[in-house]
Structures are given as structure tokens and as C-alpha cells.
Amino acid sequence: MEGSLTEGSLVTAHPELEPLLSEKPQRAKLLDAMVRVVAEKGYEAATVADAVKLARVSRGTFYELFDSKEACLAAAYRLGLDVLAARVAEGVTAARDWREELRLGIRAYLRTFDEEPLFARVYLLEWAPVATERDKAIRRFARRYGRSFASGGIDIPPEALYVLAAGVHELTRAHVRAGGQATNLEAVLVGCAVRLAAKEEPWT
């Protein structure tokens, strides 16, 4: 994956952090720094010392704000997820039917990873230490898919929606890890999603 590690991470686009970051508050800088050092080094190699050095705050300040490296990354992960979900919601506003809503939503989801390589590395490749947050993210997108299907009067079981969301995440993760562009997966992921609504094999 390409992308400068001197760029801000996606978490800085969160409405709660963006205005704060301009004032350089310590919490906002640490959240951004943690994403950047984990993206650069990987979670295991990244340290609190790396984050505080990049954020230019003290180690004591870090532990006043976060219990651990994992807690800081989890907080950053949640903020990044909020921004990702907002981009998907914005992306589907022009959809004319449920099929187009699925396509536009998946397109916005994939495009974010190509446009935000720092976030992509953390969200897709370094999620294991914050597995609980990752599971919440998948369930959140499963509900998003459910709303898209419901707009067309189609009722898909929650378990199937979870399989779809997890599958989208896993295929994207594997593709990005191999160096591919996430947006190249749009056609196959949309095809899989639409097939959940096939009438030939109704849900029982």
C-alpha cells in the first residue's frame, strides 16, 4: 500500500477531533499519533514511547488519558469507524433503489481504504488487539446493509447480513494485504450482496 505516513490519519476527520486538532489538544494528537505509528510499524512493534514522541506530549500525559496502548488504539479505531460509516451514509444519498444503494455504499466503503492508507492499515490489518471493536464494526455495517435491503422491501436474516459484512471485511483485508486496490473488489462484492435477495432460494 502506498501513502505518506506524515499525512493525518482518518480519525482527524472526525467531527469531534477535527476542530480540536487545530488547537493541538493532547488527546487528539495522541489518537492520531497512535494510528500513524501502528500503521507504520504494526501493533506489536509500535510503542507508547513512539506515540508520545510523535504527538509531542509526555508519557505521563498519555497514561492520564489512556490506560494502555490498546485502549488508545481502540478509541482511535472507533473514531475512524464513525468517519467511515459517515462516508458510506453520504455515498448512498443519491441512490434510486436498493441495488444502487448497495453499490454506492460498498463503493464508498472501498474507496475510503484506497484514499486513506493509514486508516486502512490499522482498520484492516492491525485490528486483532481491538477485536471487540472490529466485531462491533462488522455488526454496524451488517445493520447498514439491512437498511439498504429494507428500502426495497427485502427482509434478510440478521445472521446472513453479518456473514455479508464479515465477508466484505475479510476479502477487502486479504486484497489490501496483498497490495491490491480495494475498489477493484466492487463488482464481486456487489454481486454477492445482491444475490442474498434472490427469490429462487427464499430464506426459511
N, C-alpha and C. Protein backbone atom coordinates (compact mmCIF):
# COMPACT_ATOMS: atom_id res chain seq x y z
N MET A 1 0.84 -1.19 0.00
CA MET A 1 0.00 0.00 0.00
C MET A 1 0.88 1.25 0.00
N GLU A 2 0.47 2.28 -0.69
CA GLU A 2 1.24 3.50 -0.75
C GLU A 2 0.54 4.57 0.06
N GLY A 3 1.29 5.55 0.47
CA GLY A 3 0.71 6.66 1.21
C GLY A 3 1.72 7.18 2.22
N SER A 4 1.83 8.48 2.32
CA SER A 4 2.80 9.06 3.23
C SER A 4 2.35 8.93 4.66
N LEU A 5 3.25 8.49 5.53
CA LEU A 5 2.94 8.36 6.94
C LEU A 5 3.03 9.71 7.65
N THR A 6 3.32 10.76 6.92
CA THR A 6 3.29 12.09 7.52
C THR A 6 1.92 12.72 7.37
N GLU A 7 1.02 12.09 6.64
CA GLU A 7 -0.33 12.59 6.49
C GLU A 7 -1.11 12.35 7.78
N GLY A 8 -2.16 13.15 7.99
CA GLY A 8 -3.02 12.88 9.13
C GLY A 8 -3.81 11.61 8.89
N SER A 9 -4.17 10.94 9.97
CA SER A 9 -4.98 9.73 9.84
C SER A 9 -6.45 10.10 9.71
N LEU A 10 -7.26 9.12 9.32
CA LEU A 10 -8.68 9.38 9.12
C LEU A 10 -9.36 9.86 10.38
N VAL A 11 -8.86 9.49 11.55
CA VAL A 11 -9.52 9.90 12.79
C VAL A 11 -9.55 11.41 12.93
N THR A 12 -8.61 12.11 12.29
CA THR A 12 -8.60 13.56 12.41
C THR A 12 -9.74 14.20 11.63
N ALA A 13 -10.44 13.42 10.80
CA ALA A 13 -11.60 13.94 10.08
C ALA A 13 -12.88 13.81 10.89
N HIS A 14 -12.81 13.18 12.06
CA HIS A 14 -13.99 13.01 12.90
C HIS A 14 -14.43 14.38 13.41
N PRO A 15 -15.75 14.65 13.40
CA PRO A 15 -16.23 15.97 13.82
C PRO A 15 -15.85 16.36 15.24
N GLU A 16 -15.59 15.37 16.09
CA GLU A 16 -15.18 15.69 17.45
C GLU A 16 -13.70 16.04 17.54
N LEU A 17 -12.90 15.53 16.61
CA LEU A 17 -11.46 15.74 16.67
C LEU A 17 -10.96 16.84 15.76
N GLU A 18 -11.58 17.00 14.61
CA GLU A 18 -11.07 17.95 13.62
C GLU A 18 -10.91 19.35 14.20
N PRO A 19 -11.94 19.92 14.86
CA PRO A 19 -11.74 21.27 15.41
C PRO A 19 -10.76 21.28 16.57
N LEU A 20 -10.74 20.21 17.35
CA LEU A 20 -9.82 20.15 18.48
C LEU A 20 -8.37 20.07 18.03
N LEU A 21 -8.15 19.32 16.94
CA LEU A 21 -6.78 19.11 16.49
C LEU A 21 -6.12 20.42 16.07
N SER A 22 -6.92 21.34 15.56
CA SER A 22 -6.37 22.63 15.15
C SER A 22 -5.83 23.40 16.35
N GLU A 23 -6.36 23.07 17.54
CA GLU A 23 -5.88 23.69 18.77
C GLU A 23 -4.81 22.84 19.44
N LYS A 24 -4.48 21.72 18.80
CA LYS A 24 -3.43 20.80 19.26
C LYS A 24 -3.65 20.28 20.68
N PRO A 25 -4.83 19.76 20.97
CA PRO A 25 -5.04 19.17 22.29
C PRO A 25 -4.29 17.85 22.39
N GLN A 26 -3.93 17.48 23.59
CA GLN A 26 -3.11 16.29 23.76
C GLN A 26 -3.84 15.01 23.37
N ARG A 27 -5.11 14.87 23.73
CA ARG A 27 -5.84 13.64 23.41
C ARG A 27 -5.95 13.43 21.91
N ALA A 28 -6.33 14.47 21.19
CA ALA A 28 -6.48 14.36 19.74
C ALA A 28 -5.17 14.01 19.07
N LYS A 29 -4.08 14.64 19.54
CA LYS A 29 -2.78 14.36 18.94
C LYS A 29 -2.33 12.93 19.21
N LEU A 30 -2.62 12.42 20.40
CA LEU A 30 -2.24 11.05 20.73
C LEU A 30 -3.03 10.03 19.92
N LEU A 31 -4.31 10.28 19.71
CA LEU A 31 -5.12 9.36 18.91
C LEU A 31 -4.59 9.30 17.48
N ASP A 32 -4.30 10.45 16.92
CA ASP A 32 -3.76 10.50 15.56
C ASP A 32 -2.38 9.83 15.52
N ALA A 33 -1.57 10.11 16.51
CA ALA A 33 -0.22 9.55 16.53
C ALA A 33 -0.25 8.03 16.66
N MET A 34 -1.15 7.50 17.47
CA MET A 34 -1.22 6.05 17.65
C MET A 34 -1.58 5.36 16.33
N VAL A 35 -2.52 5.92 15.60
CA VAL A 35 -2.88 5.35 14.31
C VAL A 35 -1.66 5.37 13.38
N ARG A 36 -0.94 6.45 13.37
CA ARG A 36 0.19 6.57 12.46
C ARG A 36 1.34 5.63 12.81
N VAL A 37 1.64 5.48 14.10
CA VAL A 37 2.76 4.59 14.45
C VAL A 37 2.37 3.12 14.27
N VAL A 38 1.11 2.79 14.54
CA VAL A 38 0.67 1.40 14.32
C VAL A 38 0.64 1.09 12.82
N ALA A 39 0.21 2.07 12.02
CA ALA A 39 0.21 1.88 10.57
C ALA A 39 1.63 1.69 10.05
N GLU A 40 2.58 2.40 10.61
CA GLU A 40 3.95 2.34 10.13
C GLU A 40 4.68 1.08 10.61
N LYS A 41 4.52 0.73 11.90
CA LYS A 41 5.32 -0.33 12.49
C LYS A 41 4.57 -1.63 12.74
N GLY A 42 3.23 -1.57 12.74
CA GLY A 42 2.45 -2.72 13.19
C GLY A 42 2.23 -2.60 14.68
N TYR A 43 1.13 -3.20 15.17
CA TYR A 43 0.76 -3.01 16.57
C TYR A 43 1.82 -3.53 17.53
N GLU A 44 2.36 -4.70 17.28
CA GLU A 44 3.31 -5.30 18.21
C GLU A 44 4.57 -4.46 18.35
N ALA A 45 5.05 -3.91 17.26
CA ALA A 45 6.29 -3.14 17.30
C ALA A 45 6.08 -1.70 17.78
N ALA A 46 4.89 -1.17 17.57
CA ALA A 46 4.60 0.21 17.98
C ALA A 46 4.56 0.29 19.50
N THR A 47 5.04 1.41 20.04
CA THR A 47 5.08 1.58 21.48
C THR A 47 4.43 2.90 21.89
N VAL A 48 4.12 2.97 23.18
CA VAL A 48 3.61 4.23 23.73
C VAL A 48 4.66 5.33 23.53
N ALA A 49 5.93 4.96 23.70
CA ALA A 49 7.00 5.94 23.51
C ALA A 49 6.98 6.51 22.10
N ASP A 50 6.70 5.66 21.10
CA ASP A 50 6.60 6.14 19.71
C ASP A 50 5.48 7.17 19.58
N ALA A 51 4.33 6.85 20.18
CA ALA A 51 3.17 7.72 20.05
C ALA A 51 3.38 9.05 20.75
N VAL A 52 3.95 9.03 21.95
CA VAL A 52 4.13 10.29 22.67
C VAL A 52 5.20 11.15 22.00
N LYS A 53 6.19 10.50 21.41
CA LYS A 53 7.22 11.26 20.69
C LYS A 53 6.62 11.96 19.49
N LEU A 54 5.80 11.22 18.73
CA LEU A 54 5.18 11.81 17.54
C LEU A 54 4.19 12.91 17.92
N ALA A 55 3.43 12.66 19.00
CA ALA A 55 2.43 13.64 19.43
C ALA A 55 3.05 14.81 20.20
N ARG A 56 4.28 14.62 20.64
CA ARG A 56 5.00 15.64 21.40
C ARG A 56 4.29 15.95 22.72
N VAL A 57 3.93 14.89 23.41
CA VAL A 57 3.38 15.01 24.76
C VAL A 57 4.16 14.06 25.66
N SER A 58 3.96 14.17 26.95
CA SER A 58 4.71 13.35 27.87
C SER A 58 4.08 11.97 28.05
N ARG A 59 4.88 11.03 28.49
CA ARG A 59 4.38 9.68 28.78
C ARG A 59 3.35 9.74 29.91
N GLY A 60 3.60 10.60 30.88
CA GLY A 60 2.65 10.75 31.98
C GLY A 60 1.29 11.23 31.49
N THR A 61 1.31 12.18 30.54
CA THR A 61 0.05 12.67 29.97
C THR A 61 -0.69 11.55 29.26
N PHE A 62 0.07 10.71 28.54
CA PHE A 62 -0.58 9.58 27.86
C PHE A 62 -1.37 8.74 28.84
N TYR A 63 -0.76 8.39 29.96
CA TYR A 63 -1.43 7.50 30.91
C TYR A 63 -2.49 8.21 31.74
N GLU A 64 -2.51 9.52 31.70
CA GLU A 64 -3.63 10.25 32.28
C GLU A 64 -4.86 10.14 31.40
N LEU A 65 -4.63 9.97 30.11
CA LEU A 65 -5.71 9.95 29.13
C LEU A 65 -6.14 8.55 28.73
N PHE A 66 -5.19 7.60 28.70
CA PHE A 66 -5.47 6.23 28.25
C PHE A 66 -4.83 5.22 29.20
N ASP A 67 -5.51 4.13 29.40
CA ASP A 67 -4.99 3.08 30.29
C ASP A 67 -3.82 2.32 29.66
N SER A 68 -3.81 2.25 28.33
CA SER A 68 -2.82 1.42 27.65
C SER A 68 -2.75 1.78 26.18
N LYS A 69 -1.77 1.19 25.52
CA LYS A 69 -1.65 1.32 24.07
C LYS A 69 -2.91 0.79 23.39
N GLU A 70 -3.40 -0.34 23.87
CA GLU A 70 -4.60 -0.94 23.29
C GLU A 70 -5.81 -0.03 23.45
N ALA A 71 -5.96 0.60 24.62
CA ALA A 71 -7.09 1.49 24.85
C ALA A 71 -7.05 2.69 23.92
N CYS A 72 -5.86 3.21 23.69
CA CYS A 72 -5.72 4.35 22.78
C CYS A 72 -6.07 3.95 21.36
N LEU A 73 -5.57 2.79 20.92
CA LEU A 73 -5.87 2.33 19.57
C LEU A 73 -7.36 2.05 19.41
N ALA A 74 -7.99 1.46 20.44
CA ALA A 74 -9.42 1.17 20.37
C ALA A 74 -10.23 2.46 20.22
N ALA A 75 -9.85 3.50 20.95
CA ALA A 75 -10.54 4.78 20.83
C ALA A 75 -10.38 5.36 19.44
N ALA A 76 -9.17 5.28 18.90
CA ALA A 76 -8.92 5.78 17.55
C ALA A 76 -9.70 4.96 16.52
N TYR A 77 -9.76 3.65 16.72
CA TYR A 77 -10.49 2.75 15.82
C TYR A 77 -11.96 3.15 15.77
N ARG A 78 -12.55 3.42 16.94
CA ARG A 78 -13.96 3.80 16.98
C ARG A 78 -14.21 5.10 16.23
N LEU A 79 -13.32 6.07 16.40
CA LEU A 79 -13.48 7.35 15.70
C LEU A 79 -13.35 7.17 14.20
N GLY A 80 -12.37 6.37 13.79
CA GLY A 80 -12.21 6.10 12.36
C GLY A 80 -13.42 5.40 11.78
N LEU A 81 -13.99 4.47 12.55
CA LEU A 81 -15.20 3.77 12.11
C LEU A 81 -16.35 4.75 11.91
N ASP A 82 -16.48 5.70 12.83
CA ASP A 82 -17.54 6.70 12.69
C ASP A 82 -17.40 7.46 11.37
N VAL A 83 -16.18 7.84 11.04
CA VAL A 83 -15.95 8.59 9.80
C VAL A 83 -16.24 7.70 8.59
N LEU A 84 -15.80 6.44 8.65
CA LEU A 84 -16.06 5.51 7.55
C LEU A 84 -17.55 5.33 7.36
N ALA A 85 -18.30 5.12 8.45
CA ALA A 85 -19.75 4.95 8.36
C ALA A 85 -20.42 6.20 7.80
N ALA A 86 -19.92 7.37 8.20
CA ALA A 86 -20.49 8.62 7.69
C ALA A 86 -20.26 8.76 6.20
N ARG A 87 -19.10 8.32 5.72
CA ARG A 87 -18.82 8.39 4.28
C ARG A 87 -19.73 7.44 3.51
N VAL A 88 -20.00 6.28 4.07
CA VAL A 88 -20.92 5.35 3.43
C VAL A 88 -22.32 5.95 3.39
N ALA A 89 -22.77 6.51 4.51
CA ALA A 89 -24.11 7.12 4.57
C ALA A 89 -24.24 8.25 3.55
N GLU A 90 -23.20 9.05 3.44
CA GLU A 90 -23.22 10.14 2.46
C GLU A 90 -23.21 9.59 1.04
N GLY A 91 -22.49 8.50 0.83
CA GLY A 91 -22.37 7.93 -0.50
C GLY A 91 -23.67 7.38 -1.07
N VAL A 92 -24.59 6.97 -0.19
CA VAL A 92 -25.83 6.34 -0.68
C VAL A 92 -26.98 7.31 -0.81
N THR A 93 -26.77 8.58 -0.52
CA THR A 93 -27.89 9.52 -0.51
C THR A 93 -28.54 9.68 -1.88
N ALA A 94 -27.79 9.49 -2.95
CA ALA A 94 -28.34 9.68 -4.30
C ALA A 94 -28.90 8.39 -4.89
N ALA A 95 -28.91 7.30 -4.13
CA ALA A 95 -29.38 6.01 -4.66
C ALA A 95 -30.86 6.05 -5.03
N ARG A 96 -31.18 5.44 -6.17
CA ARG A 96 -32.56 5.42 -6.65
C ARG A 96 -33.31 4.17 -6.25
N ASP A 97 -32.59 3.10 -5.90
CA ASP A 97 -33.23 1.87 -5.45
C ASP A 97 -32.25 1.11 -4.57
N TRP A 98 -32.70 -0.03 -4.04
CA TRP A 98 -31.86 -0.75 -3.07
C TRP A 98 -30.58 -1.30 -3.70
N ARG A 99 -30.66 -1.69 -4.97
CA ARG A 99 -29.46 -2.20 -5.63
C ARG A 99 -28.40 -1.10 -5.75
N GLU A 100 -28.84 0.08 -6.16
CA GLU A 100 -27.88 1.17 -6.29
C GLU A 100 -27.37 1.61 -4.92
N GLU A 101 -28.21 1.51 -3.91
CA GLU A 101 -27.77 1.86 -2.56
C GLU A 101 -26.66 0.92 -2.09
N LEU A 102 -26.82 -0.37 -2.36
CA LEU A 102 -25.77 -1.33 -2.03
C LEU A 102 -24.48 -1.02 -2.78
N ARG A 103 -24.62 -0.75 -4.07
CA ARG A 103 -23.43 -0.47 -4.88
C ARG A 103 -22.71 0.78 -4.40
N LEU A 104 -23.46 1.85 -4.20
CA LEU A 104 -22.85 3.11 -3.80
C LEU A 104 -22.24 3.02 -2.39
N GLY A 105 -22.91 2.27 -1.52
CA GLY A 105 -22.39 2.11 -0.17
C GLY A 105 -21.10 1.31 -0.16
N ILE A 106 -21.07 0.22 -0.89
CA ILE A 106 -19.85 -0.59 -0.97
C ILE A 106 -18.74 0.20 -1.65
N ARG A 107 -19.08 1.00 -2.65
CA ARG A 107 -18.08 1.82 -3.34
C ARG A 107 -17.45 2.82 -2.38
N ALA A 108 -18.29 3.48 -1.58
CA ALA A 108 -17.76 4.46 -0.62
C ALA A 108 -16.89 3.78 0.43
N TYR A 109 -17.29 2.60 0.86
CA TYR A 109 -16.54 1.83 1.85
C TYR A 109 -15.15 1.48 1.30
N LEU A 110 -15.11 0.94 0.10
CA LEU A 110 -13.84 0.54 -0.50
C LEU A 110 -12.96 1.74 -0.84
N ARG A 111 -13.58 2.79 -1.35
CA ARG A 111 -12.82 3.97 -1.75
C ARG A 111 -12.10 4.61 -0.56
N THR A 112 -12.73 4.55 0.60
CA THR A 112 -12.11 5.12 1.79
C THR A 112 -10.77 4.47 2.08
N PHE A 113 -10.68 3.15 1.89
CA PHE A 113 -9.42 2.46 2.17
C PHE A 113 -8.33 2.84 1.17
N ASP A 114 -8.72 3.05 -0.08
CA ASP A 114 -7.73 3.47 -1.07
C ASP A 114 -7.27 4.90 -0.82
N GLU A 115 -8.19 5.75 -0.36
CA GLU A 115 -7.86 7.16 -0.14
C GLU A 115 -7.20 7.42 1.20
N GLU A 116 -7.38 6.49 2.14
CA GLU A 116 -6.86 6.68 3.50
C GLU A 116 -5.98 5.49 3.89
N PRO A 117 -4.78 5.39 3.33
CA PRO A 117 -3.94 4.20 3.56
C PRO A 117 -3.56 3.99 5.02
N LEU A 118 -3.40 5.06 5.79
CA LEU A 118 -3.07 4.88 7.20
C LEU A 118 -4.20 4.17 7.93
N PHE A 119 -5.41 4.67 7.73
CA PHE A 119 -6.56 4.05 8.36
C PHE A 119 -6.76 2.63 7.87
N ALA A 120 -6.55 2.41 6.59
CA ALA A 120 -6.72 1.07 6.03
C ALA A 120 -5.80 0.07 6.70
N ARG A 121 -4.57 0.46 6.94
CA ARG A 121 -3.61 -0.46 7.56
C ARG A 121 -4.06 -0.85 8.96
N VAL A 122 -4.57 0.12 9.70
CA VAL A 122 -5.00 -0.17 11.07
C VAL A 122 -6.33 -0.91 11.08
N TYR A 123 -7.30 -0.40 10.33
CA TYR A 123 -8.64 -0.97 10.35
C TYR A 123 -8.67 -2.38 9.77
N LEU A 124 -7.94 -2.62 8.71
CA LEU A 124 -7.99 -3.91 8.04
C LEU A 124 -6.91 -4.88 8.51
N LEU A 125 -5.73 -4.37 8.84
CA LEU A 125 -4.60 -5.27 9.07
C LEU A 125 -4.15 -5.36 10.52
N GLU A 126 -4.47 -4.38 11.33
CA GLU A 126 -3.96 -4.37 12.71
C GLU A 126 -5.10 -4.38 13.73
N TRP A 127 -6.21 -5.02 13.39
CA TRP A 127 -7.38 -4.97 14.25
C TRP A 127 -7.36 -6.00 15.38
N ALA A 128 -6.50 -7.01 15.32
CA ALA A 128 -6.53 -8.12 16.29
C ALA A 128 -6.50 -7.66 17.74
N PRO A 129 -5.70 -6.66 18.12
CA PRO A 129 -5.68 -6.24 19.52
C PRO A 129 -6.99 -5.58 19.97
N VAL A 130 -7.78 -5.13 19.03
CA VAL A 130 -9.06 -4.49 19.36
C VAL A 130 -10.19 -5.28 18.69
N ALA A 131 -10.18 -6.59 18.88
CA ALA A 131 -11.13 -7.47 18.21
C ALA A 131 -12.58 -7.13 18.55
N THR A 132 -12.82 -6.68 19.78
CA THR A 132 -14.18 -6.31 20.17
C THR A 132 -14.69 -5.15 19.33
N GLU A 133 -13.82 -4.18 19.09
CA GLU A 133 -14.19 -3.04 18.26
C GLU A 133 -14.44 -3.49 16.82
N ARG A 134 -13.64 -4.42 16.35
CA ARG A 134 -13.80 -4.92 14.99
C ARG A 134 -15.15 -5.62 14.84
N ASP A 135 -15.54 -6.42 15.85
CA ASP A 135 -16.82 -7.11 15.78
C ASP A 135 -17.98 -6.12 15.79
N LYS A 136 -17.86 -5.07 16.58
CA LYS A 136 -18.90 -4.03 16.60
C LYS A 136 -18.99 -3.36 15.23
N ALA A 137 -17.85 -3.17 14.60
CA ALA A 137 -17.84 -2.55 13.27
C ALA A 137 -18.57 -3.42 12.26
N ILE A 138 -18.30 -4.71 12.29
CA ILE A 138 -18.97 -5.62 11.35
C ILE A 138 -20.47 -5.62 11.59
N ARG A 139 -20.88 -5.65 12.84
CA ARG A 139 -22.31 -5.64 13.14
C ARG A 139 -22.96 -4.31 12.72
N ARG A 140 -22.21 -3.24 12.84
CA ARG A 140 -22.72 -1.94 12.41
C ARG A 140 -22.97 -1.93 10.91
N PHE A 141 -22.03 -2.47 10.14
CA PHE A 141 -22.23 -2.49 8.69
C PHE A 141 -23.27 -3.53 8.28
N ALA A 142 -23.42 -4.58 9.06
CA ALA A 142 -24.49 -5.55 8.78
C ALA A 142 -25.85 -4.84 8.88
N ARG A 143 -26.01 -4.00 9.89
CA ARG A 143 -27.26 -3.24 10.01
C ARG A 143 -27.42 -2.26 8.86
N ARG A 144 -26.30 -1.70 8.40
CA ARG A 144 -26.35 -0.78 7.25
C ARG A 144 -26.84 -1.49 6.00
N TYR A 145 -26.32 -2.70 5.76
CA TYR A 145 -26.79 -3.50 4.63
C TYR A 145 -28.27 -3.83 4.79
N GLY A 146 -28.66 -4.12 6.02
CA GLY A 146 -30.07 -4.44 6.27
C GLY A 146 -30.98 -3.30 5.89
N ARG A 147 -30.57 -2.07 6.18
CA ARG A 147 -31.39 -0.91 5.83
C ARG A 147 -31.49 -0.75 4.31
N SER A 148 -30.39 -1.07 3.63
CA SER A 148 -30.42 -0.98 2.16
C SER A 148 -31.41 -1.98 1.59
N PHE A 149 -31.36 -3.22 2.05
CA PHE A 149 -32.31 -4.22 1.58
C PHE A 149 -33.74 -3.83 1.96
N ALA A 150 -33.94 -3.33 3.17
CA ALA A 150 -35.28 -2.97 3.63
C ALA A 150 -35.88 -1.86 2.79
N SER A 151 -35.05 -0.99 2.22
CA SER A 151 -35.57 0.09 1.38
C SER A 151 -36.23 -0.47 0.12
N GLY A 152 -35.90 -1.72 -0.20
CA GLY A 152 -36.54 -2.39 -1.35
C GLY A 152 -37.57 -3.41 -0.91
N GLY A 153 -37.92 -3.37 0.36
CA GLY A 153 -38.92 -4.30 0.88
C GLY A 153 -38.40 -5.72 1.02
N ILE A 154 -37.08 -5.89 1.15
CA ILE A 154 -36.47 -7.22 1.24
C ILE A 154 -35.99 -7.47 2.66
N ASP A 155 -36.41 -8.58 3.21
CA ASP A 155 -36.07 -8.92 4.59
C ASP A 155 -35.00 -10.02 4.58
N ILE A 156 -33.81 -9.67 5.02
CA ILE A 156 -32.70 -10.62 5.09
C ILE A 156 -32.41 -10.93 6.56
N PRO A 157 -32.26 -12.18 6.93
CA PRO A 157 -31.98 -12.53 8.33
C PRO A 157 -30.72 -11.85 8.84
N PRO A 158 -30.71 -11.42 10.09
CA PRO A 158 -29.53 -10.75 10.66
C PRO A 158 -28.25 -11.58 10.52
N GLU A 159 -28.39 -12.90 10.65
CA GLU A 159 -27.21 -13.75 10.54
C GLU A 159 -26.59 -13.68 9.15
N ALA A 160 -27.44 -13.62 8.13
CA ALA A 160 -26.95 -13.52 6.75
C ALA A 160 -26.30 -12.16 6.51
N LEU A 161 -26.86 -11.12 7.11
CA LEU A 161 -26.28 -9.78 6.98
C LEU A 161 -24.91 -9.73 7.64
N TYR A 162 -24.77 -10.44 8.76
CA TYR A 162 -23.47 -10.49 9.43
C TYR A 162 -22.45 -11.21 8.55
N VAL A 163 -22.88 -12.31 7.92
CA VAL A 163 -21.98 -13.03 7.02
C VAL A 163 -21.54 -12.12 5.87
N LEU A 164 -22.46 -11.34 5.34
CA LEU A 164 -22.12 -10.40 4.26
C LEU A 164 -21.10 -9.38 4.73
N ALA A 165 -21.37 -8.75 5.87
CA ALA A 165 -20.47 -7.71 6.38
C ALA A 165 -19.09 -8.28 6.70
N ALA A 166 -19.06 -9.46 7.32
CA ALA A 166 -17.78 -10.09 7.65
C ALA A 166 -17.03 -10.50 6.38
N GLY A 167 -17.77 -10.99 5.39
CA GLY A 167 -17.14 -11.38 4.14
C GLY A 167 -16.56 -10.20 3.39
N VAL A 168 -17.29 -9.10 3.37
CA VAL A 168 -16.78 -7.88 2.74
C VAL A 168 -15.48 -7.46 3.42
N HIS A 169 -15.49 -7.45 4.74
CA HIS A 169 -14.31 -7.06 5.51
C HIS A 169 -13.13 -7.98 5.23
N GLU A 170 -13.37 -9.29 5.27
CA GLU A 170 -12.27 -10.25 5.13
C GLU A 170 -11.67 -10.24 3.73
N LEU A 171 -12.52 -10.17 2.71
CA LEU A 171 -11.99 -10.13 1.36
C LEU A 171 -11.20 -8.84 1.13
N THR A 172 -11.73 -7.74 1.62
CA THR A 172 -11.02 -6.46 1.47
C THR A 172 -9.69 -6.52 2.20
N ARG A 173 -9.67 -7.08 3.40
CA ARG A 173 -8.44 -7.20 4.18
C ARG A 173 -7.39 -8.00 3.41
N ALA A 174 -7.80 -9.16 2.90
CA ALA A 174 -6.86 -10.02 2.17
C ALA A 174 -6.35 -9.33 0.91
N HIS A 175 -7.23 -8.64 0.22
CA HIS A 175 -6.86 -7.98 -1.04
C HIS A 175 -5.88 -6.84 -0.77
N VAL A 176 -6.17 -6.04 0.25
CA VAL A 176 -5.29 -4.92 0.59
C VAL A 176 -3.95 -5.42 1.10
N ARG A 177 -3.97 -6.48 1.91
CA ARG A 177 -2.71 -7.05 2.41
C ARG A 177 -1.82 -7.50 1.25
N ALA A 178 -2.44 -7.99 0.18
CA ALA A 178 -1.69 -8.45 -0.99
C ALA A 178 -1.24 -7.30 -1.89
N GLY A 179 -1.61 -6.07 -1.52
CA GLY A 179 -1.18 -4.91 -2.29
C GLY A 179 -2.18 -4.43 -3.32
N GLY A 180 -3.40 -4.97 -3.31
CA GLY A 180 -4.41 -4.58 -4.29
C GLY A 180 -5.16 -3.32 -3.90
N GLN A 181 -5.83 -2.73 -4.89
CA GLN A 181 -6.70 -1.59 -4.65
C GLN A 181 -8.06 -2.10 -4.20
N ALA A 182 -8.54 -1.59 -3.09
CA ALA A 182 -9.81 -2.06 -2.55
C ALA A 182 -10.96 -1.88 -3.54
N THR A 183 -10.96 -0.79 -4.28
CA THR A 183 -12.07 -0.52 -5.19
C THR A 183 -12.18 -1.54 -6.32
N ASN A 184 -11.14 -2.32 -6.55
CA ASN A 184 -11.22 -3.36 -7.58
C ASN A 184 -12.19 -4.47 -7.20
N LEU A 185 -12.59 -4.50 -5.93
CA LEU A 185 -13.48 -5.55 -5.44
C LEU A 185 -14.96 -5.19 -5.57
N GLU A 186 -15.25 -4.00 -6.04
CA GLU A 186 -16.64 -3.54 -6.04
C GLU A 186 -17.60 -4.50 -6.74
N ALA A 187 -17.27 -4.92 -7.93
CA ALA A 187 -18.20 -5.75 -8.71
C ALA A 187 -18.52 -7.07 -8.01
N VAL A 188 -17.50 -7.76 -7.52
CA VAL A 188 -17.74 -9.05 -6.90
C VAL A 188 -18.49 -8.90 -5.58
N LEU A 189 -18.19 -7.86 -4.81
CA LEU A 189 -18.88 -7.68 -3.54
C LEU A 189 -20.33 -7.27 -3.74
N VAL A 190 -20.58 -6.42 -4.71
CA VAL A 190 -21.96 -6.05 -5.01
C VAL A 190 -22.73 -7.27 -5.50
N GLY A 191 -22.09 -8.07 -6.35
CA GLY A 191 -22.74 -9.28 -6.84
C GLY A 191 -23.12 -10.22 -5.73
N CYS A 192 -22.22 -10.41 -4.77
CA CYS A 192 -22.52 -11.27 -3.62
C CYS A 192 -23.67 -10.70 -2.80
N ALA A 193 -23.66 -9.39 -2.58
CA ALA A 193 -24.70 -8.76 -1.78
C ALA A 193 -26.07 -8.90 -2.43
N VAL A 194 -26.14 -8.63 -3.72
CA VAL A 194 -27.42 -8.69 -4.43
C VAL A 194 -27.99 -10.10 -4.43
N ARG A 195 -27.11 -11.08 -4.49
CA ARG A 195 -27.58 -12.47 -4.53
C ARG A 195 -28.25 -12.92 -3.23
N LEU A 196 -28.04 -12.17 -2.16
CA LEU A 196 -28.75 -12.51 -0.92
C LEU A 196 -30.26 -12.31 -1.07
N ALA A 197 -30.64 -11.48 -2.04
CA ALA A 197 -32.07 -11.19 -2.23
C ALA A 197 -32.71 -12.08 -3.28
N ALA A 198 -31.99 -13.11 -3.77
CA ALA A 198 -32.53 -13.97 -4.82
C ALA A 198 -33.80 -14.65 -4.37
N LYS A 199 -34.82 -14.62 -5.21
CA LYS A 199 -36.12 -15.20 -4.85
C LYS A 199 -36.15 -16.71 -5.06
N GLU A 200 -35.20 -17.22 -5.85
CA GLU A 200 -35.23 -18.65 -6.15
C GLU A 200 -35.00 -19.49 -4.88
N GLU A 201 -34.22 -18.97 -3.96
CA GLU A 201 -33.91 -19.70 -2.74
C GLU A 201 -34.32 -18.83 -1.53
N PRO A 202 -35.60 -18.78 -1.21
CA PRO A 202 -36.08 -17.91 -0.13
C PRO A 202 -35.52 -18.34 1.23
N TRP A 203 -35.35 -17.37 2.10
CA TRP A 203 -34.87 -17.65 3.45
C TRP A 203 -35.96 -18.38 4.23
N THR A 204 -35.58 -19.38 5.00
CA THR A 204 -36.56 -20.14 5.79
C THR A 204 -36.25 -20.02 7.27
